[in-house]
Amino acid sequence: MEKYSLVALIYRVSHEAMDELMRTVFGDIKARPRLFGYDILLETEAMRLFCCTVHNDGREWSLNADYNGPLRDLTEILSGFTQRLIDAGYNYYIGYSQIDENGDEVSEEVSLSHPEFDELYSQYLRSVESKGVT
């Protein structure tokens, strides 16, 4: 069976909006607030996913996942996920690659990002700098 590793960064999404988006795309997630942020977990036969806020205010999310299944199914999932992110106006970067049984990459990373990633990321950085946040 094919295995893939995914990493992603998603910007400027509230906890509530991310929870709703993840439930729409992935179904039965487990979400929990932390003292300084928010976690979202998904464990299915095909996917193990962990998504969390990097900062408490939701300005940046980190997503890590392992997927076991055909590339065709993974790209279908990611297509729906990225379209929802674009429709909602959220900036993102996703990278994924095929891995072997030991978790080592056996393919080049495929990158997906918002069509206006550079401009949206520049806006994000300006907003962070204007708040004096590092």
Protein backbone atom coordinates (compact mmCIF):
# COMPACT_ATOMS: atom_id res chain seq x y z
CA MET A 1 0.00 0.00 0.00
CA GLU A 2 1.20 3.50 -0.82
CA LYS A 3 2.07 5.80 2.11
CA TYR A 4 2.37 9.58 2.12
CA SER A 5 3.51 12.20 4.59
CA LEU A 6 1.92 15.66 4.56
CA VAL A 7 2.91 18.94 6.17
CA ALA A 8 1.02 22.20 5.93
CA LEU A 9 0.83 25.74 7.22
CA ILE A 10 -2.49 27.57 7.16
CA TYR A 11 -2.80 31.25 8.00
CA ARG A 12 -5.39 33.55 9.59
CA VAL A 13 -8.11 31.10 10.55
CA SER A 14 -10.10 31.25 13.78
CA HIS A 15 -10.47 28.13 15.91
CA GLU A 16 -14.16 27.95 15.07
CA ALA A 17 -13.62 28.30 11.32
CA MET A 18 -10.83 25.70 11.26
CA ASP A 19 -12.95 23.28 13.28
CA GLU A 20 -15.85 23.67 10.85
CA LEU A 21 -13.61 23.39 7.78
CA MET A 22 -11.89 20.25 9.07
CA ARG A 23 -15.24 18.62 9.96
CA THR A 24 -16.57 19.40 6.48
CA VAL A 25 -13.54 17.89 4.73
CA PHE A 26 -12.49 15.06 7.06
CA GLY A 27 -15.63 14.19 9.02
CA ASP A 28 -15.31 12.90 12.56
CA ILE A 29 -12.42 14.91 13.98
CA LYS A 30 -11.56 15.37 17.63
CA ALA A 31 -10.99 18.98 18.60
CA ARG A 32 -9.84 20.35 21.92
CA PRO A 33 -8.79 23.71 23.23
CA ARG A 34 -5.41 23.97 24.93
CA LEU A 35 -4.28 26.56 27.41
CA PHE A 36 -2.49 28.39 24.57
CA GLY A 37 -4.20 27.20 21.40
CA TYR A 38 -6.27 24.51 19.79
CA ASP A 39 -5.69 20.94 18.57
CA ILE A 40 -7.52 18.93 15.92
CA LEU A 41 -7.00 15.18 15.60
CA LEU A 42 -8.20 12.64 13.07
CA GLU A 43 -7.53 8.92 13.09
CA THR A 44 -9.01 6.70 10.42
CA GLU A 45 -7.83 3.56 8.71
CA ALA A 46 -6.37 5.69 5.92
CA MET A 47 -5.23 8.85 7.70
CA ARG A 48 -3.69 10.03 10.94
CA LEU A 49 -3.77 13.83 11.14
CA PHE A 50 -2.74 16.36 13.79
CA CYS A 51 -3.43 20.07 13.31
CA CYS A 52 -2.74 22.74 15.91
CA THR A 53 -2.39 26.45 16.33
CA VAL A 54 1.18 27.69 16.33
CA HIS A 55 -0.01 30.82 18.12
CA ASN A 56 -3.02 31.10 20.41
CA ASP A 57 -4.77 33.66 18.20
CA GLY A 58 -5.09 31.29 15.23
CA ARG A 59 -2.91 33.36 12.95
CA GLU A 60 -0.93 30.27 12.01
CA TRP A 61 -1.79 26.56 12.02
CA SER A 62 0.51 23.57 11.55
CA LEU A 63 -0.83 20.34 10.07
CA ASN A 64 0.97 16.99 9.92
CA ALA A 65 -0.54 13.83 8.52
CA ASP A 66 0.26 10.33 7.37
CA TYR A 67 -1.92 8.87 4.65
CA ASN A 68 -2.13 5.20 3.62
CA GLY A 69 -3.81 4.72 0.27
CA PRO A 70 -3.71 5.49 -3.42
CA LEU A 71 -2.34 8.83 -4.60
CA ARG A 72 -5.56 9.37 -6.57
CA ASP A 73 -7.61 9.36 -3.32
CA LEU A 74 -5.15 11.65 -1.54
CA THR A 75 -5.19 14.20 -4.36
CA GLU A 76 -9.01 14.14 -4.31
CA ILE A 77 -9.03 14.88 -0.57
CA LEU A 78 -6.45 17.65 -0.97
CA SER A 79 -8.32 19.15 -3.91
CA GLY A 80 -11.48 19.52 -1.81
CA PHE A 81 -9.52 20.82 1.18
CA THR A 82 -7.57 23.43 -0.80
CA GLN A 83 -10.68 24.60 -2.65
CA ARG A 84 -12.44 25.20 0.66
CA LEU A 85 -9.40 27.11 1.94
CA ILE A 86 -9.38 29.28 -1.21
CA ASP A 87 -13.14 29.86 -1.08
CA ALA A 88 -12.84 30.98 2.54
CA GLY A 89 -9.89 33.28 1.74
CA TYR A 90 -7.32 31.41 3.85
CA ASN A 91 -3.72 31.27 2.77
CA TYR A 92 -1.97 27.89 2.87
CA TYR A 93 1.06 25.87 1.89
CA ILE A 94 0.88 22.06 1.71
CA GLY A 95 3.69 19.67 0.88
CA TYR A 96 3.43 15.92 0.55
CA SER A 97 5.64 13.06 -0.57
CA GLN A 98 5.51 9.31 -0.74
CA ILE A 99 7.31 7.52 2.10
CA ASP A 100 8.54 3.99 2.68
CA GLU A 101 7.87 1.69 5.65
CA ASN A 102 10.54 3.55 7.69
CA GLY A 103 9.05 6.97 6.98
CA ASP A 104 11.81 7.96 4.57
CA GLU A 105 10.84 9.96 1.48
CA VAL A 106 10.89 7.97 -1.75
CA SER A 107 9.52 10.70 -4.01
CA GLU A 108 10.02 14.39 -4.56
CA GLU A 109 7.78 16.64 -2.47
CA VAL A 110 4.72 17.98 -4.24
CA SER A 111 3.81 21.52 -3.15
CA LEU A 112 0.37 23.08 -3.16
CA SER A 113 -0.27 26.68 -2.21
CA HIS A 114 -2.90 29.36 -2.51
CA PRO A 115 -2.82 30.94 -6.01
CA GLU A 116 -2.05 34.29 -4.35
CA PHE A 117 0.25 32.88 -1.68
CA ASP A 118 3.03 35.47 -1.98
CA GLU A 119 0.72 38.48 -1.71
CA LEU A 120 -1.34 36.98 1.12
CA TYR A 121 1.80 35.95 3.00
CA SER A 122 3.21 39.48 2.65
CA GLN A 123 -0.03 40.85 4.10
CA TYR A 124 0.20 38.34 6.93
CA LEU A 125 3.77 39.37 7.74
CA ARG A 126 2.86 43.07 7.69
CA SER A 127 -0.04 42.47 10.08
CA VAL A 128 2.19 40.50 12.44
CA GLU A 129 4.91 43.16 12.32
CA SER A 130 2.40 45.96 12.93
CA LYS A 131 1.29 44.18 16.11
CA GLY A 132 4.89 43.80 17.23
CA VAL A 133 4.57 40.01 17.29
CA THR A 134 7.48 37.76 16.37
